[in-house]
C-alpha atoms as a PDB file:
ATOM      1  CA  MET A   1     163.289 120.716 127.765  1.00  0.00           C
ATOM      2  CA  SER A   2     163.664 119.135 124.470  1.00  0.00           C
ATOM      3  CA  THR A   3     162.915 115.770 126.093  1.00  0.00           C
ATOM      4  CA  TYR A   4     159.634 117.236 127.282  1.00  0.00           C
ATOM      5  CA  ARG A   5     158.738 118.484 123.750  1.00  0.00           C
ATOM      6  CA  GLY A   6     159.361 114.812 122.426  1.00  0.00           C
ATOM      7  CA  ARG A   7     157.036 113.519 125.161  1.00  0.00           C
ATOM      8  CA  GLY A   8     154.692 116.232 124.026  1.00  0.00           C
ATOM      9  CA  SER A   9     154.870 115.198 120.345  1.00  0.00           C
ATOM     10  CA  LEU A  10     154.369 111.467 121.099  1.00  0.00           C
ATOM     11  CA  VAL A  11     151.294 112.748 123.327  1.00  0.00           C
ATOM     12  CA  THR A  12     149.953 114.613 120.562  1.00  0.00           C
ATOM     13  CA  LEU A  13     150.606 112.005 117.712  1.00  0.00           C
ATOM     14  CA  ALA A  14     148.836 109.360 120.132  1.00  0.00           C
ATOM     15  CA  LEU A  15     145.807 111.390 120.357  1.00  0.00           C
ATOM     16  CA  SER A  16     145.990 111.938 116.705  1.00  0.00           C
ATOM     17  CA  ILE A  17     145.643 108.404 115.930  1.00  0.00           C
ATOM     18  CA  LEU A  18     143.196 107.671 118.385  1.00  0.00           C
ATOM     19  CA  ILE A  19     140.855 110.318 117.033  1.00  0.00           C
ATOM     20  CA  LEU A  20     141.289 109.054 113.297  1.00  0.00           C
ATOM     21  CA  ALA A  21     140.505 105.464 114.655  1.00  0.00           C
ATOM     22  CA  ILE A  22     137.175 106.965 116.538  1.00  0.00           C
ATOM     23  CA  LEU A  23     136.195 108.855 113.256  1.00  0.00           C
ATOM     24  CA  ALA A  24     137.001 105.761 111.114  1.00  0.00           C
ATOM     25  CA  GLY A  25     134.739 103.436 113.240  1.00  0.00           C
ATOM     26  CA  ALA A  26     131.866 106.082 113.010  1.00  0.00           C
ATOM     27  CA  GLN A  27     131.933 106.077 109.400  1.00  0.00           C
ATOM     28  CA  VAL A  28     131.957 102.486 108.916  1.00  0.00           C
ATOM     29  CA  GLY A  29     128.897 102.227 110.927  1.00  0.00           C
ATOM     30  CA  SER A  30     127.090 105.134 109.946  1.00  0.00           C
ATOM     31  CA  PRO A  31     125.615 104.201 106.402  1.00  0.00           C
ATOM     32  CA  GLN A  32     123.013 101.871 108.203  1.00  0.00           C
ATOM     33  CA  LYS A  33     122.198 104.391 110.799  1.00  0.00           C
ATOM     34  CA  GLU A  34     121.583 107.117 108.049  1.00  0.00           C
ATOM     35  CA  ILE A  35     119.827 104.927 105.945  1.00  0.00           C
ATOM     36  CA  GLU A  36     117.479 103.787 108.626  1.00  0.00           C
ATOM     37  CA  ALA A  37     116.512 107.246 109.501  1.00  0.00           C
ATOM     38  CA  LEU A  38     115.716 108.256 105.646  1.00  0.00           C
ATOM     39  CA  TYR A  39     113.426 105.094 105.600  1.00  0.00           C
ATOM     40  CA  ALA A  40     111.544 106.525 108.903  1.00  0.00           C
ATOM     41  CA  LYS A  41     111.618 109.882 107.044  1.00  0.00           C
ATOM     42  CA  LEU A  42     109.878 108.353 104.110  1.00  0.00           C
ATOM     43  CA  ASP A  43     107.297 106.317 106.277  1.00  0.00           C
ATOM     44  CA  ALA A  44     106.032 109.705 108.053  1.00  0.00           C
ATOM     45  CA  ALA A  45     105.947 111.722 104.779  1.00  0.00           C
ATOM     46  CA  THR A  46     104.010 108.819 103.246  1.00  0.00           C
ATOM     47  CA  HIS A  47     101.248 109.205 106.026  1.00  0.00           C
ATOM     48  CA  ALA A  48     101.665 113.000 105.550  1.00  0.00           C
ATOM     49  CA  ARG A  49     100.857 112.828 101.995  1.00  0.00           C
ATOM     50  CA  ASP A  50     104.325 114.841 101.539  1.00  0.00           C
ATOM     51  CA  PRO A  51     105.640 113.815  98.090  1.00  0.00           C
ATOM     52  CA  SER A  52     108.335 116.536  98.472  1.00  0.00           C
ATOM     53  CA  VAL A  53     110.309 114.282 100.802  1.00  0.00           C
ATOM     54  CA  LYS A  54     110.789 111.284  98.509  1.00  0.00           C
ATOM     55  CA  LYS A  55     111.161 113.434  95.356  1.00  0.00           C
ATOM     56  CA  ASP A  56     114.200 115.137  97.156  1.00  0.00           C
ATOM     57  CA  LEU A  57     115.411 111.522  97.646  1.00  0.00           C
ATOM     58  CA  LEU A  58     115.284 109.986  94.355  1.00  0.00           C
ATOM     59  CA  ALA A  59     118.460 110.071  92.222  1.00  0.00           C
ATOM     60  CA  PRO A  60     118.344 111.287  88.731  1.00  0.00           C
ATOM     61  CA  ASP A  61     118.634 108.005  87.374  1.00  0.00           C
ATOM     62  CA  TYR A  62     115.998 106.588  89.708  1.00  0.00           C
ATOM     63  CA  SER A  63     113.904 103.407  88.433  1.00  0.00           C
ATOM     64  CA  GLU A  64     111.601 100.875  90.014  1.00  0.00           C
ATOM     65  CA  LYS A  65     110.409  97.678  89.312  1.00  0.00           C
ATOM     66  CA  LYS A  66     106.943  96.595  90.048  1.00  0.00           C
ATOM     67  CA  PRO A  67     105.789  92.944  91.287  1.00  0.00           C
ATOM     68  CA  ASP A  68     104.387  92.278  87.733  1.00  0.00           C
ATOM     69  CA  GLY A  69     107.829  92.964  86.253  1.00  0.00           C
ATOM     70  CA  ALA A  70     106.633  96.521  84.949  1.00  0.00           C
ATOM     71  CA  LEU A  71     109.502  99.316  85.092  1.00  0.00           C
ATOM     72  CA  VAL A  72     108.777 102.825  86.398  1.00  0.00           C
ATOM     73  CA  THR A  73     110.871 105.915  85.754  1.00  0.00           C
ATOM     74  CA  ARG A  74     111.828 108.589  87.939  1.00  0.00           C
ATOM     75  CA  ALA A  75     109.298 111.053  85.834  1.00  0.00           C
ATOM     76  CA  GLN A  76     106.470 108.297  86.328  1.00  0.00           C
ATOM     77  CA  ALA A  77     106.942 107.788  89.800  1.00  0.00           C
ATOM     78  CA  ILE A  78     106.960 111.493  90.678  1.00  0.00           C
ATOM     79  CA  ALA A  79     103.673 111.918  88.702  1.00  0.00           C
ATOM     80  CA  THR A  80     102.077 109.243  91.021  1.00  0.00           C
ATOM     81  CA  LEU A  81     103.202 110.620  94.117  1.00  0.00           C
ATOM     82  CA  GLU A  82     101.972 114.314  93.267  1.00  0.00           C
ATOM     83  CA  LYS A  83      98.790 112.419  92.019  1.00  0.00           C
ATOM     84  CA  ASP A  84      98.015 110.594  95.174  1.00  0.00           C
ATOM     85  CA  SER A  85      98.894 113.111  97.247  1.00  0.00           C
ATOM     86  CA  ALA A  86      96.324 115.556  95.610  1.00  0.00           C
ATOM     87  CA  ASP A  87      93.532 113.267  95.507  1.00  0.00           C
ATOM     88  CA  PRO A  88      91.224 114.266  98.708  1.00  0.00           C
ATOM     89  CA  ASP A  89      89.835 110.663  98.533  1.00  0.00           C
ATOM     90  CA  ALA A  90      93.128 108.759  98.587  1.00  0.00           C
ATOM     91  CA  PRO A  91      93.237 106.506 101.339  1.00  0.00           C
ATOM     92  CA  ASP A  92      95.231 107.170 104.567  1.00  0.00           C
ATOM     93  CA  ILE A  93      98.420 104.725 105.019  1.00  0.00           C
ATOM     94  CA  THR A  94     100.742 104.208 107.637  1.00  0.00           C
ATOM     95  CA  SER A  95     103.959 102.471 106.990  1.00  0.00           C
ATOM     96  CA  ALA A  96     106.740 101.139 109.016  1.00  0.00           C
ATOM     97  CA  THR A  97     110.004 100.002 106.975  1.00  0.00           C
ATOM     98  CA  LYS A  98     112.314  97.483 108.667  1.00  0.00           C
ATOM     99  CA  VAL A  99     116.190  97.749 107.319  1.00  0.00           C
ATOM    100  CA  ASP A 100     116.866  93.932 107.146  1.00  0.00           C
ATOM    101  CA  SER A 101     120.433  94.184 105.682  1.00  0.00           C
ATOM    102  CA  VAL A 102     122.876  96.841 104.444  1.00  0.00           C
ATOM    103  CA  GLY A 103     125.446  95.317 101.894  1.00  0.00           C
ATOM    104  CA  PRO A 104     127.997  96.785  99.357  1.00  0.00           C
ATOM    105  CA  GLY A 105     127.163  97.827  95.871  1.00  0.00           C
ATOM    106  CA  LYS A 106     129.050  97.764  92.720  1.00  0.00           C
ATOM    107  CA  ASP A 107     131.253 100.541  94.361  1.00  0.00           C
ATOM    108  CA  ALA A 108     132.348 102.451  97.211  1.00  0.00           C
ATOM    109  CA  ASN A 109     129.445 104.838  96.887  1.00  0.00           C
ATOM    110  CA  GLU A 110     126.802 102.442  96.410  1.00  0.00           C
ATOM    111  CA  VAL A 111     125.069 100.035  99.069  1.00  0.00           C
ATOM    112  CA  SER A 112     122.547  97.482  98.476  1.00  0.00           C
ATOM    113  CA  VAL A 113     119.636  97.401 101.134  1.00  0.00           C
ATOM    114  CA  GLU A 114     117.037  94.814 101.837  1.00  0.00           C
ATOM    115  CA  THR A 115     113.804  95.970 103.665  1.00  0.00           C
ATOM    116  CA  THR A 116     110.913  94.671 105.105  1.00  0.00           C
ATOM    117  CA  VAL A 117     107.709  96.953 104.871  1.00  0.00           C
ATOM    118  CA  ASP A 118     104.423  96.769 106.999  1.00  0.00           C
ATOM    119  CA  ALA A 119     101.648  98.853 105.645  1.00  0.00           C
ATOM    120  CA  VAL A 120      98.200  99.548 106.605  1.00  0.00           C
ATOM    121  CA  MET A 121      95.807 101.417 103.878  1.00  0.00           C
ATOM    122  CA  VAL A 122      92.390 102.842 105.538  1.00  0.00           C
ATOM    123  CA  GLY A 123      89.829 104.366 102.974  1.00  0.00           C
ATOM    124  CA  LYS A 124      87.713 104.088 100.246  1.00  0.00           C
ATOM    125  CA  MET A 125      89.219 101.948  97.369  1.00  0.00           C
ATOM    126  CA  ASN A 126      87.283 101.009  94.196  1.00  0.00           C
ATOM    127  CA  GLY A 127      84.151 102.293  95.415  1.00  0.00           C
ATOM    128  CA  PHE A 128      84.327 100.349  98.807  1.00  0.00           C
ATOM    129  CA  ALA A 129      85.642 101.463 102.277  1.00  0.00           C
ATOM    130  CA  GLN A 130      88.163  98.975 103.204  1.00  0.00           C
ATOM    131  CA  ARG A 131      91.314  98.350 105.669  1.00  0.00           C
ATOM    132  CA  LEU A 132      94.112  96.678 103.723  1.00  0.00           C
ATOM    133  CA  HIS A 133      97.419  95.322 105.100  1.00  0.00           C
ATOM    134  CA  PHE A 134     100.387  95.023 102.852  1.00  0.00           C
ATOM    135  CA  ASN A 135     103.799  93.354 103.587  1.00  0.00           C
ATOM    136  CA  ALA A 136     106.576  93.396 101.017  1.00  0.00           C
ATOM    137  CA  LYS A 137     110.291  92.470 100.669  1.00  0.00           C
ATOM    138  CA  ILE A 138     111.775  95.699  99.052  1.00  0.00           C
ATOM    139  CA  HIS A 139     115.296  95.308  97.520  1.00  0.00           C
ATOM    140  CA  ASP A 140     116.753  98.788  97.346  1.00  0.00           C
ATOM    141  CA  ILE A 141     120.109 100.352  95.632  1.00  0.00           C
ATOM    142  CA  TRP A 142     121.026 103.491  97.643  1.00  0.00           C
ATOM    143  CA  VAL A 143     123.969 105.905  96.222  1.00  0.00           C
ATOM    144  CA  HIS A 144     125.877 108.343  98.070  1.00  0.00           C
ATOM    145  CA  SER A 145     127.125 111.872  96.493  1.00  0.00           C
ATOM    146  CA  ASP A 146     127.783 115.126  97.736  1.00  0.00           C
ATOM    147  CA  ALA A 147     124.030 115.642  98.103  1.00  0.00           C
ATOM    148  CA  GLY A 148     123.918 112.948 100.610  1.00  0.00           C
ATOM    149  CA  TRP A 149     122.073 109.400 100.263  1.00  0.00           C
ATOM    150  CA  LYS A 150     120.269 108.965  97.126  1.00  0.00           C
ATOM    151  CA  LEU A 151     117.719 105.799  96.132  1.00  0.00           C
ATOM    152  CA  ARG A 152     118.635 104.956  92.616  1.00  0.00           C
ATOM    153  CA  TYR A 153     116.586 101.564  92.159  1.00  0.00           C
ATOM    154  CA  SER A 154     113.831  99.698  94.051  1.00  0.00           C
ATOM    155  CA  GLU A 155     112.216  96.283  93.583  1.00  0.00           C
ATOM    156  CA  ALA A 156     109.299  94.844  95.604  1.00  0.00           C
ATOM    157  CA  LYS A 157     108.996  91.420  96.101  1.00  0.00           C
ATOM    158  CA  ASN A 158     107.106  88.991  97.645  1.00  0.00           C
ATOM    159  CA  VAL A 159     103.736  91.293  98.208  1.00  0.00           C
ATOM    160  CA  THR A 160     100.993  90.218 100.390  1.00  0.00           C
ATOM    161  CA  VAL A 161      97.676  92.109 100.518  1.00  0.00           C
ATOM    162  CA  VAL A 162      94.995  90.877 103.206  1.00  0.00           C
ATOM    163  CA  ASN A 163      91.849  92.347 104.230  1.00  0.00           C
ATOM    164  CA  ASP A 164      92.797  93.647 107.471  1.00  0.00           C
ATOM    165  CA  GLY A 165      88.814  94.227 108.782  1.00  0.00           C
ATOM    166  CA  SER A 166      86.632  92.240 110.919  1.00  0.00           C
ATOM    167  CA  ALA A 167      84.959  88.769 110.300  1.00  0.00           C
ATOM    168  CA  TRP A 168      82.692  88.553 107.073  1.00  0.00           C
ATOM    169  CA  ILE A 169      79.237  89.883 107.244  1.00  0.00           C
ATOM    170  CA  ASP A 170      76.060  87.950 106.387  1.00  0.00           C
ATOM    171  CA  TYR A 171      74.497  90.045 103.729  1.00  0.00           C
ATOM    172  CA  ARG A 172      70.873  89.919 103.105  1.00  0.00           C
ATOM    173  CA  SER A 173      69.497  91.470  99.771  1.00  0.00           C
ATOM    174  CA  GLU A 174      67.274  94.231  99.984  1.00  0.00           C
ATOM    175  CA  ASP A 175      64.227  92.113  98.228  1.00  0.00           C
ATOM    176  CA  GLY A 176      65.183  89.171 100.765  1.00  0.00           C
ATOM    177  CA  ARG A 177      65.774  86.886  98.078  1.00  0.00           C
ATOM    178  CA  TYR A 178      69.047  86.041  99.118  1.00  0.00           C
ATOM    179  CA  THR A 179      71.441  85.806 101.978  1.00  0.00           C
ATOM    180  CA  VAL A 180      75.216  85.662 101.460  1.00  0.00           C
ATOM    181  CA  ALA A 181      78.466  86.142 103.275  1.00  0.00           C
ATOM    182  CA  PHE A 182      80.617  89.091 101.921  1.00  0.00           C
ATOM    183  CA  PRO A 183      83.948  90.626 103.575  1.00  0.00           C
ATOM    184  CA  ASN A 184      82.486  94.143 103.433  1.00  0.00           C
ATOM    185  CA  PRO A 185      79.251  95.644 102.966  1.00  0.00           C
ATOM    186  CA  PRO A 186      78.713  95.546  99.315  1.00  0.00           C
ATOM    187  CA  ARG A 187      77.941  98.147  96.565  1.00  0.00           C
ATOM    188  CA  VAL A 188      74.229  97.179  95.138  1.00  0.00           C
ATOM    189  CA  ASP A 189      73.230  98.280  91.645  1.00  0.00           C
ATOM    190  CA  THR A 190      71.206  97.095  88.474  1.00  0.00           C
ATOM    191  CA  GLY A 191      71.635  96.748  84.890  1.00  0.00           C
ATOM    192  CA  LYS A 192      70.409  94.934  81.876  1.00  0.00           C
ATOM    193  CA  THR A 193      70.812  91.691  80.145  1.00  0.00           C
ATOM    194  CA  ASN A 194      71.509  91.463  76.472  1.00  0.00           C
ATOM    195  CA  ASP A 195      67.799  90.116  76.062  1.00  0.00           C
ATOM    196  CA  GLY A 196      66.786  93.504  78.193  1.00  0.00           C
ATOM    197  CA  GLU A 197      65.982  91.764  81.375  1.00  0.00           C
ATOM    198  CA  THR A 198      66.889  93.799  84.812  1.00  0.00           C
ATOM    199  CA  LEU A 199      69.874  92.467  85.968  1.00  0.00           C
ATOM    200  CA  PHE A 200      70.356  92.678  90.102  1.00  0.00           C
ATOM    201  CA  ARG A 201      74.137  92.880  91.284  1.00  0.00           C
ATOM    202  CA  ALA A 202      75.659  93.009  94.654  1.00  0.00           C
ATOM    203  CA  VAL A 203      79.734  93.591  94.651  1.00  0.00           C
ATOM    204  CA  SER A 204      81.989  93.259  97.638  1.00  0.00           C
ATOM    205  CA  LEU A 205      85.682  93.902  97.714  1.00  0.00           C
ATOM    206  CA  GLY A 206      87.786  92.066 100.012  1.00  0.00           C
ATOM    207  CA  GLY A 207      91.613  92.868  99.616  1.00  0.00           C
ATOM    208  CA  VAL A 208      92.362  92.534  95.945  1.00  0.00           C
ATOM    209  CA  VAL A 209      89.314  90.144  95.169  1.00  0.00           C
ATOM    210  CA  SER A 210      85.972  90.965  94.496  1.00  0.00           C
ATOM    211  CA  TYR A 211      82.825  88.728  95.331  1.00  0.00           C
ATOM    212  CA  SER A 212      79.533  89.245  93.755  1.00  0.00           C
ATOM    213  CA  VAL A 213      76.101  88.042  93.391  1.00  0.00           C
ATOM    214  CA  GLN A 214      73.763  88.725  90.441  1.00  0.00           C
ATOM    215  CA  TYR A 215      70.515  87.510  88.722  1.00  0.00           C
ATOM    216  CA  PHE A 216      67.805  88.546  86.554  1.00  0.00           C
ATOM    217  CA  ASP A 217      63.969  87.315  86.361  1.00  0.00           C
ATOM    218  CA  LEU A 218      62.646  86.063  83.316  1.00  0.00           C
ATOM    219  CA  ALA A 219      59.669  87.917  81.724  1.00  0.00           C
ATOM    220  CA  GLY A 220      56.407  85.838  82.172  1.00  0.00           C
ATOM    221  CA  ASP A 221      56.926  84.663  78.291  1.00  0.00           C
ATOM    222  CA  SER A 222      60.414  83.941  78.303  1.00  0.00           C
ATOM    223  CA  ASP A 223      61.821  80.144  78.227  1.00  0.00           C
ATOM    224  CA  ILE A 224      65.691  79.053  77.926  1.00  0.00           C
ATOM    225  CA  SER A 225      66.118  75.730  77.014  1.00  0.00           C
ATOM    226  CA  PRO A 226      69.078  73.518  77.689  1.00  0.00           C
ATOM    227  CA  ASP A 227      70.270  73.194  74.021  1.00  0.00           C
ATOM    228  CA  GLU A 228      70.086  77.273  73.869  1.00  0.00           C
ATOM    229  CA  LEU A 229      72.566  77.427  76.951  1.00  0.00           C
ATOM    230  CA  ALA A 230      75.062  74.986  75.271  1.00  0.00           C
ATOM    231  CA  ALA A 231      75.073  76.648  72.136  1.00  0.00           C
ATOM    232  CA  ALA A 232      75.375  80.032  73.970  1.00  0.00           C
ATOM    233  CA  SER A 233      78.345  78.598  75.835  1.00  0.00           C
ATOM    234  CA  GLY A 234      79.890  76.410  73.435  1.00  0.00           C
ATOM    235  CA  GLY A 235      79.033  77.695  69.907  1.00  0.00           C
ATOM    236  CA  ALA A 236      78.172  76.017  66.866  1.00  0.00           C
ATOM    237  CA  THR A 237      80.906  73.345  67.392  1.00  0.00           C
ATOM    238  CA  SER A 238      79.508  72.206  70.417  1.00  0.00           C
ATOM    239  CA  THR A 239      77.168  69.127  70.528  1.00  0.00           C
ATOM    240  CA  ILE A 240      74.787  67.711  73.438  1.00  0.00           C
ATOM    241  CA  ILE A 241      75.562  64.284  73.912  1.00  0.00           C
ATOM    242  CA  ASP A 242      73.883  64.106  77.622  1.00  0.00           C
ATOM    243  CA  ARG A 243      70.985  65.729  79.662  1.00  0.00           C
ATOM    244  CA  ARG A 244      69.902  64.691  83.053  1.00  0.00           C
ATOM    245  CA  SER A 245      68.164  66.294  85.746  1.00  0.00           C
ATOM    246  CA  VAL A 246      69.952  67.246  89.197  1.00  0.00           C
ATOM    247  CA  THR A 247      68.543  68.238  92.351  1.00  0.00           C
ATOM    248  CA  ALA A 248      70.453  70.650  94.197  1.00  0.00           C
ATOM    249  CA  GLY A 249      69.421  73.007  97.112  1.00  0.00           C
ATOM    250  CA  GLY A 250      65.717  71.789  96.802  1.00  0.00           C
ATOM    251  CA  ILE A 251      65.495  72.835  93.313  1.00  0.00           C
ATOM    252  CA  VAL A 252      65.662  71.022  90.111  1.00  0.00           C
ATOM    253  CA  TRP A 253      68.451  71.429  87.656  1.00  0.00           C
ATOM    254  CA  SER A 254      68.842  70.232  84.049  1.00  0.00           C
ATOM    255  CA  GLN A 255      72.718  69.074  83.514  1.00  0.00           C
ATOM    256  CA  VAL A 256      73.984  69.228  80.112  1.00  0.00           C
ATOM    257  CA  VAL A 257      76.975  67.487  79.062  1.00  0.00           C
ATOM    258  CA  SER A 258      78.402  68.559  75.517  1.00  0.00           C
ATOM    259  CA  GLU A 259      81.047  68.091  73.237  1.00  0.00           C
ATOM    260  CA  LYS A 260      82.995  70.706  71.604  1.00  0.00           C
ATOM    261  CA  LYS A 261      85.339  70.705  68.642  1.00  0.00           C
ATOM    262  CA  ASP A 262      88.633  73.130  68.431  1.00  0.00           C
ATOM    263  CA  ALA A 263      89.503  74.635  65.053  1.00  0.00           C
ATOM    264  CA  SER A 264      91.526  71.608  63.955  1.00  0.00           C
ATOM    265  CA  GLY A 265      88.200  69.564  64.219  1.00  0.00           C
ATOM    266  CA  ASP A 266      89.496  67.614  67.361  1.00  0.00           C
ATOM    267  CA  THR A 267      87.072  67.313  70.367  1.00  0.00           C
END
């Protein structure tokens, strides 16, 4: 009987060691899977305009660094989330985050994560209906505690934004005075020049770049001389040294070459 009990103890010990080994293996592989699931949750919340998910995942000492180097605190990040989610005119965003790597952090409770984010933003932005495609490499730091994984730091790198729409359109002005290629239908309005002439404008936004056409008609008794144009652009320190006629597009233009001196008197 004692021999039987000894064998039973050995079997029990072997099973215990095997279970511990399986659990240890699962723990080693679990951080990446857990974090991938958290990113998927964040992507879904972004599309649903639900700020509570990201708010819950931000660590108390969270901060982020924008591509321009600006630093954002946790409170500022949450304020932006809440503002965007409450805006009925905010564009729809669909994002997909791919975890490229998960590496060790500064201690056992921290990991360094590199991701690639692809996002499409559709809606009215800066007064224009647009479809923009964003791609970014993002460096994140996650920290683990009794509350689970929390995002402590985020830094966007290599961000690109392109207009994801169709080919540019040929836009013809309502008065028929010009035709120009624009990435989107332009916003058309009028204004006034410093001299009171009516200024006609057409502005189209493509990605983060704006394209515009503007012109004004001189009154019948108005005249602008090349000297006045040079003085207006160069100031009192500008001197005209050459003037010649140039024909472009069937129109005769006056080309003015001027010399300007800086504050030190150098040309």
